[in-house]
Amino acid sequence: MNLFAHLVLRLIGVVLVCLVCAVGWVLIDTHRAIEKEAAASADRVAGTLETLYWRELLWRGGLSRTHLIPIPDWETMATMKTISPGVCITFAPGVEAPRRLCSQLEMISDPAPAWFEAFYDHVFGSYARVERPLTLRQPTAGMVSAEPDRGAAVRQAWHQIYVVLSVAALLAAGIGVLAALFIGQSLMPARAIVAGLRRLERGDYSYRLPSYRTAEFNRISGAVNDLTARLAETTAQRVALTNRLFQVQEEERRALARDLHDEFGQCLAAVGALATVIEMEAKADRPEIARDARSVIDVTKRMTATLRGALARLRSQEVEELGLEASLAQLVAGWNVQNDLQATFHLDVVGDLAGLPEATALNIFRIAQECLTNAARHGKPHDVHLHVARVDAEGNGAVALSVEDDGGGTPARLSSASGYGILGIRERVAALGGSLLISQARRGVRVAALIPLMGARGSSIATTVPA
């Protein structure tokens, strides 16, 4: 879950909690208000009836009358006005039967849903009856009692809840939309920072994040820019060191090839010539010596062949003298003449490989050499295809090199293999500012490299795609 959705869900949760609290507060406040209205109605009706009682008693010969308060007189509009809506008044005049009077039960609001009535009764229960004597001087004159009507109370509570919920829901929706817009706008720098980190992951060290008005995002932007600058500097130093190491490696290869050719090669030639002379002189009278000399000659020939193969791998003069395409052709031909391999190596060249920079051509040759070695070493292929093409990548020239085999290997196995083959390929491609992709082929592994001929160095991408 992203940060925007997380914050919006939290906001919705806070709004719901506030709505629940508001509903609870309204319910409690409505319940208390109804109780207060019942008590106030009892007080008002008791006061009204007390006035009527003393008037009838003192002015109209009430001492000789049976009913001190005339029933038709107290059930008038004047009495109804003193009763709050939804409250029922019960008046028991002396020893007579109680009389009940309710005020505007059906005019309060629309009926509440059944579930709300059940919930309201479960939470608050029934209302307590409020009783008041008609007059404190004459306790036997009668009692006035008031209690809220259950249906009217539920209607009144539902009406209050409905009004509050409607207003609160509209306010919450408006606040939620505005807050979501503000949150989204506030989090826009985070998207830019993530995009910058993605570009940094792809090796683009030239990109810099802008400054932001928010202090936290501004500090993150500064830290990312500092990290990018340090990575660019470190990468440039590593590329320079890698190029220097490859240069030293080529010089060492040349020196080793020269020493092997001049010293070891001449010694093998001398041993072979001497063994030939011994065989010729001992063939007539010492056949056993002639056989030993022949064995020495055979061993010398095998060692000479092995030496030629080693010299072919060590020398780079062929690339400098013959060119990249001819050197690749000789490389593939050398793999095809090896008797211990059952694979057939194919070369496909597209475009003109002449005129490449010397260092680039030499590194492409070494990459192809190492890829063919890995294809033969880490699988049992029947066909190995080397494809080299000069392409136009994003307006700049580039060389695309790929080696695909049908040896049944996997990219994970190739990447985890012991040795420095893949590591050396990665370093060479990175030093040339190219990209490397190791993926699963139809029946084996495909290693593909794209090496730019122009553009910045050190912006390499090394990616392994699992099977």
Protein backbone atom coordinates (compact mmCIF):
# COMPACT_ATOMS: atom_id res chain seq x y z
CA MET A 1 0.00 0.00 0.00
CA ASN A 2 1.40 3.37 -0.98
CA LEU A 3 1.68 6.32 1.38
CA PHE A 4 -1.22 8.25 -0.20
CA ALA A 5 -3.68 5.38 0.24
CA HIS A 6 -2.38 4.75 3.76
CA LEU A 7 -2.92 8.39 4.77
CA VAL A 8 -6.36 8.54 3.13
CA LEU A 9 -7.46 5.38 4.96
CA ARG A 10 -6.24 6.86 8.23
CA LEU A 11 -8.14 10.05 7.47
CA ILE A 12 -11.29 8.05 6.75
CA GLY A 13 -10.80 6.16 10.01
CA VAL A 14 -10.46 9.41 11.96
CA VAL A 15 -13.57 10.83 10.28
CA LEU A 16 -15.57 7.69 11.12
CA VAL A 17 -14.42 7.80 14.73
CA CYS A 18 -15.44 11.45 14.92
CA LEU A 19 -18.84 10.62 13.41
CA VAL A 20 -19.37 7.82 15.90
CA CYS A 21 -18.41 10.11 18.77
CA ALA A 22 -20.73 12.83 17.45
CA VAL A 23 -23.62 10.37 17.15
CA GLY A 24 -22.98 9.10 20.66
CA TRP A 25 -22.85 12.62 22.03
CA VAL A 26 -26.08 13.57 20.22
CA LEU A 27 -27.86 10.47 21.54
CA ILE A 28 -26.81 11.15 25.12
CA ASP A 29 -27.59 14.85 24.83
CA THR A 30 -31.01 14.12 23.28
CA HIS A 31 -31.80 11.60 26.04
CA ARG A 32 -30.89 14.10 28.75
CA ALA A 33 -32.82 16.87 26.99
CA ILE A 34 -35.93 14.69 26.85
CA GLU A 35 -35.61 13.93 30.57
CA LYS A 36 -35.17 17.63 31.34
CA GLU A 37 -38.18 18.52 29.18
CA ALA A 38 -40.28 15.95 31.05
CA ALA A 39 -39.27 17.37 34.42
CA ALA A 40 -39.84 20.93 33.23
CA SER A 41 -43.27 19.98 31.84
CA ALA A 42 -44.19 18.41 35.17
CA ASP A 43 -43.16 21.60 36.98
CA ARG A 44 -45.09 23.85 34.57
CA VAL A 45 -48.24 21.76 34.65
CA ALA A 46 -48.06 21.48 38.44
CA GLY A 47 -47.73 25.27 38.68
CA THR A 48 -50.63 25.84 36.32
CA LEU A 49 -52.88 23.40 38.12
CA GLU A 50 -51.89 24.82 41.49
CA THR A 51 -53.00 28.26 40.35
CA LEU A 52 -56.26 26.80 39.09
CA TYR A 53 -56.70 24.91 42.35
CA TRP A 54 -56.35 27.94 44.62
CA ARG A 55 -58.57 30.02 42.36
CA GLU A 56 -61.36 27.51 42.55
CA LEU A 57 -60.83 27.06 46.26
CA LEU A 58 -60.87 30.71 47.28
CA TRP A 59 -63.04 32.49 44.74
CA ARG A 60 -65.84 30.15 43.91
CA GLY A 61 -66.73 28.53 47.19
CA GLY A 62 -64.42 25.68 46.65
CA LEU A 63 -64.72 24.43 50.21
CA SER A 64 -68.22 23.21 49.50
CA ARG A 65 -67.49 21.72 46.05
CA THR A 66 -66.75 18.15 45.20
CA HIS A 67 -64.18 18.92 42.43
CA LEU A 68 -61.80 21.71 43.35
CA ILE A 69 -60.32 21.70 39.87
CA PRO A 70 -62.75 21.47 37.00
CA ILE A 71 -61.56 18.79 34.65
CA PRO A 72 -62.59 20.59 31.42
CA ASP A 73 -60.62 23.65 32.52
CA TRP A 74 -57.24 21.94 32.96
CA GLU A 75 -57.44 20.10 29.61
CA THR A 76 -57.24 23.35 27.69
CA MET A 77 -54.77 24.89 25.22
CA ALA A 78 -53.24 26.86 28.05
CA THR A 79 -52.32 23.59 29.78
CA MET A 80 -51.17 22.00 26.51
CA LYS A 81 -48.77 24.86 25.94
CA THR A 82 -46.98 24.03 29.15
CA ILE A 83 -46.30 20.44 28.05
CA SER A 84 -43.24 19.88 25.86
CA PRO A 85 -43.76 17.88 22.65
CA GLY A 86 -43.51 14.17 23.21
CA VAL A 87 -44.25 14.34 26.96
CA CYS A 88 -47.29 12.80 28.61
CA ILE A 89 -48.76 14.27 31.83
CA THR A 90 -50.77 12.17 34.24
CA PHE A 91 -52.94 14.07 36.82
CA ALA A 92 -54.54 12.26 39.75
CA PRO A 93 -56.91 14.71 41.52
CA GLY A 94 -57.37 13.38 45.00
CA VAL A 95 -59.12 10.04 45.11
CA GLU A 96 -60.34 10.17 41.49
CA ALA A 97 -59.01 8.11 38.62
CA PRO A 98 -55.85 9.51 37.02
CA ARG A 99 -56.20 11.39 33.77
CA ARG A 100 -53.51 11.35 31.03
CA LEU A 101 -52.70 14.14 28.58
CA CYS A 102 -49.99 13.96 25.89
CA SER A 103 -48.68 16.76 23.71
CA GLN A 104 -48.06 16.44 19.95
CA LEU A 105 -46.84 12.84 19.82
CA GLU A 106 -47.39 12.38 16.11
CA MET A 107 -46.03 15.76 15.00
CA ILE A 108 -42.46 15.37 16.24
CA SER A 109 -40.88 13.67 13.20
CA ASP A 110 -41.10 10.66 10.94
CA PRO A 111 -41.05 7.22 12.56
CA ALA A 112 -37.58 5.81 13.27
CA PRO A 113 -36.37 2.53 11.73
CA ALA A 114 -36.97 -0.62 13.72
CA TRP A 115 -33.26 -1.26 14.21
CA PHE A 116 -32.80 2.20 15.70
CA GLU A 117 -35.70 1.68 18.10
CA ALA A 118 -34.18 -1.62 19.24
CA PHE A 119 -30.75 -0.03 19.63
CA TYR A 120 -32.12 2.99 21.51
CA ASP A 121 -34.13 0.83 23.91
CA HIS A 122 -31.15 -1.44 24.48
CA VAL A 123 -28.82 1.43 25.29
CA PHE A 124 -31.08 3.76 27.32
CA GLY A 125 -34.00 1.61 28.42
CA SER A 126 -37.23 3.22 29.64
CA TYR A 127 -37.53 6.76 31.01
CA ALA A 128 -38.09 7.41 34.70
CA ARG A 129 -41.39 8.96 35.76
CA VAL A 130 -41.17 12.49 37.22
CA GLU A 131 -43.77 13.22 39.94
CA ARG A 132 -44.76 16.55 41.47
CA PRO A 133 -47.44 17.28 44.11
CA LEU A 134 -50.18 19.63 43.01
CA THR A 135 -49.39 21.87 45.96
CA LEU A 136 -47.06 21.45 48.85
CA ARG A 137 -49.64 22.85 51.26
CA GLN A 138 -52.26 20.26 50.41
CA PRO A 139 -50.58 16.91 49.63
CA THR A 140 -53.96 15.24 49.23
CA ALA A 141 -54.98 17.62 46.45
CA GLY A 142 -53.39 15.39 43.81
CA MET A 143 -50.19 14.41 42.04
CA VAL A 144 -48.82 15.44 38.67
CA SER A 145 -46.50 12.96 36.93
CA ALA A 146 -44.67 13.33 33.61
CA GLU A 147 -42.80 10.84 31.43
CA PRO A 148 -41.62 10.96 27.82
CA ASP A 149 -43.58 8.85 25.40
CA ARG A 150 -41.31 6.04 24.16
CA GLY A 151 -42.25 6.37 20.50
CA ALA A 152 -41.96 10.15 20.58
CA ALA A 153 -38.59 9.97 22.33
CA VAL A 154 -37.25 7.55 19.72
CA ARG A 155 -38.59 9.75 16.93
CA GLN A 156 -36.99 12.82 18.44
CA ALA A 157 -33.65 11.03 18.90
CA TRP A 158 -33.77 9.70 15.33
CA HIS A 159 -34.57 13.16 13.99
CA GLN A 160 -31.59 14.66 15.81
CA ILE A 161 -29.29 11.84 14.67
CA TYR A 162 -30.49 12.15 11.08
CA VAL A 163 -29.87 15.90 11.00
CA VAL A 164 -26.47 15.62 12.65
CA LEU A 165 -25.40 12.70 10.46
CA SER A 166 -26.50 14.50 7.30
CA VAL A 167 -24.59 17.65 8.15
CA ALA A 168 -21.60 15.73 9.51
CA ALA A 169 -21.49 13.42 6.49
CA LEU A 170 -21.47 16.37 4.11
CA LEU A 171 -18.79 18.10 6.13
CA ALA A 172 -16.76 14.89 6.41
CA ALA A 173 -17.02 14.26 2.66
CA GLY A 174 -15.92 17.79 1.88
CA ILE A 175 -13.10 17.69 4.39
CA GLY A 176 -12.05 14.25 3.14
CA VAL A 177 -11.92 15.36 -0.50
CA LEU A 178 -10.01 18.52 0.31
CA ALA A 179 -7.65 16.65 2.64
CA ALA A 180 -7.05 13.98 -0.01
CA LEU A 181 -6.22 16.68 -2.56
CA PHE A 182 -3.86 18.39 -0.14
CA ILE A 183 -2.25 15.07 0.80
CA GLY A 184 -1.80 14.14 -2.86
CA GLN A 185 -0.29 17.53 -3.60
CA SER A 186 1.98 17.29 -0.57
CA LEU A 187 3.18 13.83 -1.63
CA MET A 188 4.02 14.82 -5.21
CA PRO A 189 7.70 15.38 -4.28
CA ALA A 190 7.82 11.76 -3.08
CA ARG A 191 6.97 10.57 -6.59
CA ALA A 192 9.69 12.77 -8.06
CA ILE A 193 12.17 11.44 -5.51
CA VAL A 194 11.24 7.83 -6.32
CA ALA A 195 11.60 8.56 -10.05
CA GLY A 196 15.04 10.06 -9.36
CA LEU A 197 16.06 6.98 -7.38
CA ARG A 198 14.90 4.80 -10.27
CA ARG A 199 17.12 6.77 -12.63
CA LEU A 200 19.94 6.43 -10.16
CA GLU A 201 19.33 2.68 -10.07
CA ARG A 202 19.62 2.60 -13.87
CA GLY A 203 22.97 4.34 -13.62
CA ASP A 204 21.97 7.89 -14.59
CA TYR A 205 24.19 9.91 -12.27
CA SER A 206 23.61 13.22 -14.05
CA TYR A 207 20.07 13.68 -12.77
CA ARG A 208 19.54 16.00 -9.80
CA LEU A 209 16.39 16.46 -7.74
CA PRO A 210 15.04 20.01 -7.40
CA SER A 211 14.54 21.89 -4.16
CA TYR A 212 11.20 21.64 -2.37
CA ARG A 213 9.35 24.01 -0.08
CA THR A 214 8.72 21.24 2.44
CA ALA A 215 11.73 20.99 4.74
CA GLU A 216 11.61 17.18 5.04
CA PHE A 217 11.44 16.59 1.29
CA ASN A 218 14.10 19.22 0.72
CA ARG A 219 16.47 17.40 3.07
CA ILE A 220 15.75 14.10 1.30
CA SER A 221 16.38 15.76 -2.06
CA GLY A 222 19.70 17.14 -0.85
CA ALA A 223 20.75 13.76 0.54
CA VAL A 224 19.85 12.00 -2.73
CA ASN A 225 21.75 14.59 -4.77
CA ASP A 226 24.80 14.21 -2.54
CA LEU A 227 24.59 10.44 -2.86
CA THR A 228 24.27 10.71 -6.64
CA ALA A 229 27.33 12.96 -6.84
CA ARG A 230 29.38 10.58 -4.70
CA LEU A 231 28.24 7.58 -6.73
CA ALA A 232 29.11 9.36 -9.97
CA GLU A 233 32.56 10.17 -8.65
CA THR A 234 33.08 6.65 -7.32
CA THR A 235 31.86 5.10 -10.56
CA ALA A 236 34.13 7.30 -12.64
CA GLN A 237 37.10 6.30 -10.48
CA ARG A 238 36.15 2.64 -10.70
CA VAL A 239 35.78 2.82 -14.47
CA ALA A 240 39.14 4.53 -14.82
CA LEU A 241 40.75 1.93 -12.58
CA THR A 242 39.05 -0.89 -14.49
CA ASN A 243 40.26 0.46 -17.81
CA ARG A 244 43.75 0.75 -16.42
CA LEU A 245 43.59 -2.81 -15.08
CA PHE A 246 42.44 -4.12 -18.46
CA GLN A 247 45.24 -2.19 -20.11
CA VAL A 248 47.77 -3.68 -17.71
CA GLN A 249 46.19 -7.09 -18.27
CA GLU A 250 46.64 -6.79 -22.03
CA GLU A 251 50.24 -5.73 -21.58
CA GLU A 252 50.84 -8.73 -19.34
CA ARG A 253 49.16 -10.99 -21.90
CA ARG A 254 51.46 -9.67 -24.62
CA ALA A 255 54.51 -10.10 -22.45
CA LEU A 256 53.51 -13.62 -21.45
CA ALA A 257 52.73 -14.57 -25.06
CA ARG A 258 56.09 -13.20 -26.18
CA ASP A 259 57.96 -15.10 -23.49
CA LEU A 260 56.11 -18.32 -24.22
CA HIS A 261 56.76 -17.98 -27.92
CA ASP A 262 60.40 -16.99 -27.63
CA GLU A 263 61.47 -19.28 -24.82
CA PHE A 264 59.05 -22.16 -24.42
CA GLY A 265 58.26 -22.39 -28.14
CA GLN A 266 61.89 -22.49 -29.15
CA CYS A 267 62.64 -25.08 -26.48
CA LEU A 268 59.82 -27.27 -27.75
CA ALA A 269 61.09 -26.88 -31.31
CA ALA A 270 64.59 -27.83 -30.22
CA VAL A 271 63.32 -30.86 -28.29
CA GLY A 272 61.31 -31.96 -31.31
CA ALA A 273 64.26 -31.57 -33.66
CA LEU A 274 66.58 -33.43 -31.31
CA ALA A 275 64.06 -36.25 -30.88
CA THR A 276 63.77 -36.51 -34.66
CA VAL A 277 67.55 -36.84 -35.03
CA ILE A 278 67.66 -39.52 -32.34
CA GLU A 279 64.85 -41.44 -34.01
CA MET A 280 66.59 -41.38 -37.37
CA GLU A 281 69.99 -42.47 -35.96
CA ALA A 282 68.61 -45.19 -33.67
CA LYS A 283 66.07 -46.63 -36.06
CA ALA A 284 68.49 -49.18 -37.53
CA ASP A 285 70.26 -50.69 -34.54
CA ARG A 286 68.31 -49.42 -31.46
CA PRO A 287 64.59 -49.61 -32.25
CA GLU A 288 63.57 -49.14 -28.59
CA ILE A 289 65.31 -45.78 -28.50
CA ALA A 290 63.67 -44.85 -31.76
CA ARG A 291 60.23 -45.63 -30.24
CA ASP A 292 61.01 -43.45 -27.21
CA ALA A 293 62.15 -40.67 -29.49
CA ARG A 294 58.87 -40.98 -31.44
CA SER A 295 56.91 -40.67 -28.16
CA VAL A 296 58.87 -37.54 -27.33
CA ILE A 297 58.07 -36.14 -30.78
CA ASP A 298 54.33 -36.84 -30.29
CA VAL A 299 54.30 -35.21 -26.86
CA THR A 300 56.17 -32.25 -28.28
CA LYS A 301 53.60 -31.85 -31.05
CA ARG A 302 50.72 -31.92 -28.54
CA MET A 303 52.49 -29.37 -26.34
CA THR A 304 53.15 -27.21 -29.37
CA ALA A 305 49.47 -27.34 -30.33
CA THR A 306 48.48 -26.42 -26.77
CA LEU A 307 50.98 -23.59 -26.82
CA ARG A 308 49.56 -22.25 -30.08
CA GLY A 309 46.07 -22.25 -28.55
CA ALA A 310 47.31 -20.42 -25.46
CA LEU A 311 49.16 -17.89 -27.61
CA ALA A 312 46.02 -17.35 -29.69
CA ARG A 313 44.05 -16.57 -26.53
CA LEU A 314 46.75 -14.35 -25.07
CA ARG A 315 47.68 -12.32 -28.10
CA SER A 316 45.74 -9.21 -29.06
CA GLN A 317 47.87 -8.25 -32.05
CA GLU A 318 45.42 -10.06 -34.31
CA VAL A 319 42.67 -7.59 -33.41
CA GLU A 320 45.01 -4.69 -34.00
CA GLU A 321 46.40 -6.10 -37.24
CA LEU A 322 43.54 -8.10 -38.78
CA GLY A 323 40.57 -6.18 -37.43
CA LEU A 324 37.70 -7.23 -35.19
CA GLU A 325 35.68 -9.20 -37.73
CA ALA A 326 38.62 -11.32 -38.90
CA SER A 327 39.73 -11.92 -35.31
CA LEU A 328 36.24 -13.11 -34.39
CA ALA A 329 36.24 -15.43 -37.39
CA GLN A 330 39.56 -16.92 -36.27
CA LEU A 331 38.23 -17.23 -32.73
CA VAL A 332 35.18 -19.20 -33.88
CA ALA A 333 37.30 -21.33 -36.21
CA GLY A 334 39.64 -22.14 -33.33
CA TRP A 335 36.73 -23.43 -31.26
CA ASN A 336 35.46 -25.53 -34.16
CA VAL A 337 38.79 -27.36 -34.68
CA GLN A 338 38.97 -28.57 -31.11
CA ASN A 339 38.42 -32.31 -31.14
CA ASP A 340 37.19 -32.60 -27.54
CA LEU A 341 34.08 -30.51 -28.21
CA GLN A 342 30.94 -31.75 -29.92
CA ALA A 343 29.50 -28.28 -30.37
CA THR A 344 29.45 -26.28 -33.58
CA PHE A 345 30.21 -22.57 -33.26
CA HIS A 346 28.55 -20.08 -35.63
CA LEU A 347 29.42 -16.44 -36.34
CA ASP A 348 26.98 -13.86 -37.64
CA VAL A 349 28.29 -10.34 -38.30
CA VAL A 350 25.95 -7.51 -39.30
CA GLY A 351 27.25 -4.14 -40.31
CA ASP A 352 30.75 -2.78 -40.71
CA LEU A 353 32.98 -3.42 -37.69
CA ALA A 354 35.93 -1.60 -39.21
CA GLY A 355 36.99 1.71 -37.78
CA LEU A 356 36.09 0.91 -34.19
CA PRO A 357 38.28 2.42 -31.49
CA GLU A 358 41.18 0.12 -30.72
CA ALA A 359 40.33 -0.29 -27.03
CA THR A 360 36.66 -0.91 -27.81
CA ALA A 361 37.44 -3.51 -30.49
CA LEU A 362 39.83 -5.32 -28.17
CA ASN A 363 37.28 -5.38 -25.33
CA ILE A 364 34.55 -6.66 -27.66
CA PHE A 365 36.89 -9.45 -28.74
CA ARG A 366 37.62 -10.36 -25.10
CA ILE A 367 33.90 -10.30 -24.24
CA ALA A 368 33.11 -12.62 -27.13
CA GLN A 369 36.02 -14.86 -26.16
CA GLU A 370 34.81 -15.16 -22.56
CA CYS A 371 31.17 -15.70 -23.60
CA LEU A 372 32.16 -18.59 -25.89
CA THR A 373 34.27 -20.08 -23.11
CA ASN A 374 31.33 -19.88 -20.69
CA ALA A 375 28.99 -21.46 -23.24
CA ALA A 376 31.32 -24.40 -23.69
CA ARG A 377 32.21 -24.75 -20.01
CA HIS A 378 28.84 -24.39 -18.25
CA GLY A 379 26.74 -26.59 -20.51
CA LYS A 380 26.71 -29.27 -23.16
CA PRO A 381 25.70 -27.36 -26.25
CA HIS A 382 25.37 -28.65 -29.79
CA ASP A 383 25.23 -25.20 -31.36
CA VAL A 384 26.64 -21.89 -30.12
CA HIS A 385 25.73 -18.74 -32.02
CA LEU A 386 27.84 -15.57 -31.81
CA HIS A 387 26.03 -12.54 -33.20
CA VAL A 388 27.81 -9.19 -33.53
CA ALA A 389 26.09 -6.20 -35.13
CA ARG A 390 26.81 -2.52 -35.45
CA VAL A 391 23.58 -0.68 -34.70
CA ASP A 392 22.33 2.84 -34.22
CA ALA A 393 21.18 3.11 -30.60
CA GLU A 394 19.42 6.38 -29.66
CA GLY A 395 21.28 8.37 -32.30
CA ASN A 396 24.72 7.06 -31.28
CA GLY A 397 26.54 4.14 -32.78
CA ALA A 398 26.74 0.95 -30.77
CA VAL A 399 27.83 -2.66 -31.08
CA ALA A 400 25.37 -5.37 -30.05
CA LEU A 401 26.96 -8.68 -29.13
CA SER A 402 25.10 -11.82 -28.11
CA VAL A 403 26.05 -15.45 -27.52
CA GLU A 404 23.27 -18.02 -27.39
CA ASP A 405 23.66 -21.75 -26.78
CA ASP A 406 21.41 -24.79 -26.46
CA GLY A 407 23.30 -26.38 -23.58
CA GLY A 408 20.33 -26.38 -21.20
CA GLY A 409 21.88 -24.08 -18.60
CA THR A 410 20.16 -21.36 -16.57
CA PRO A 411 21.11 -17.73 -15.91
CA ALA A 412 21.16 -18.38 -12.15
CA ARG A 413 23.59 -21.25 -12.54
CA LEU A 414 25.80 -19.21 -14.85
CA SER A 415 25.84 -16.24 -12.46
CA SER A 416 26.62 -18.41 -9.43
CA ALA A 417 29.39 -20.40 -11.14
CA SER A 418 32.84 -20.15 -9.63
CA GLY A 419 35.39 -18.14 -11.52
CA TYR A 420 35.64 -14.63 -12.84
CA GLY A 421 34.20 -15.07 -16.34
CA ILE A 422 30.87 -13.30 -15.88
CA LEU A 423 32.43 -10.82 -13.48
CA GLY A 424 35.08 -9.96 -16.07
CA ILE A 425 32.41 -9.52 -18.74
CA ARG A 426 30.41 -7.23 -16.47
CA GLU A 427 33.46 -5.12 -15.68
CA ARG A 428 34.43 -4.78 -19.33
CA VAL A 429 30.88 -3.84 -20.36
CA ALA A 430 30.62 -1.37 -17.47
CA ALA A 431 33.97 0.18 -18.37
CA LEU A 432 32.68 0.76 -21.91
CA GLY A 433 29.44 2.33 -20.62
CA GLY A 434 27.30 -0.49 -21.97
CA SER A 435 24.58 -2.77 -20.69
CA LEU A 436 24.61 -6.50 -20.06
CA LEU A 437 21.62 -8.86 -20.05
CA ILE A 438 21.73 -12.54 -19.10
CA SER A 439 18.46 -14.27 -19.94
CA GLN A 440 16.96 -17.65 -20.61
CA ALA A 441 17.07 -18.77 -24.24
CA ARG A 442 14.78 -21.36 -25.77
CA ARG A 443 17.08 -24.28 -24.88
CA GLY A 444 19.92 -22.62 -23.03
CA VAL A 445 21.32 -19.25 -21.99
CA ARG A 446 21.65 -16.01 -23.89
CA VAL A 447 24.24 -13.39 -22.94
CA ALA A 448 23.71 -10.04 -24.66
CA ALA A 449 25.76 -6.86 -24.38
CA LEU A 450 25.15 -3.44 -25.91
CA ILE A 451 28.30 -1.33 -26.09
CA PRO A 452 27.98 2.33 -27.13
CA LEU A 453 30.64 3.82 -29.37
CA MET A 454 29.83 7.36 -28.29
CA GLY A 455 28.45 8.91 -25.11
CA ALA A 456 29.31 8.96 -21.46
CA ARG A 457 31.29 6.24 -19.88
CA GLY A 458 30.38 4.76 -16.57
CA SER A 459 26.61 4.71 -17.02
CA SER A 460 26.37 0.97 -17.24
CA ILE A 461 23.49 -1.31 -16.43
CA ALA A 462 24.22 -4.87 -15.42
CA THR A 463 21.09 -6.96 -15.17
CA THR A 464 20.52 -10.66 -14.70
CA VAL A 465 17.14 -11.99 -15.73
CA PRO A 466 16.32 -15.22 -13.91
CA ALA A 467 14.93 -18.25 -15.63
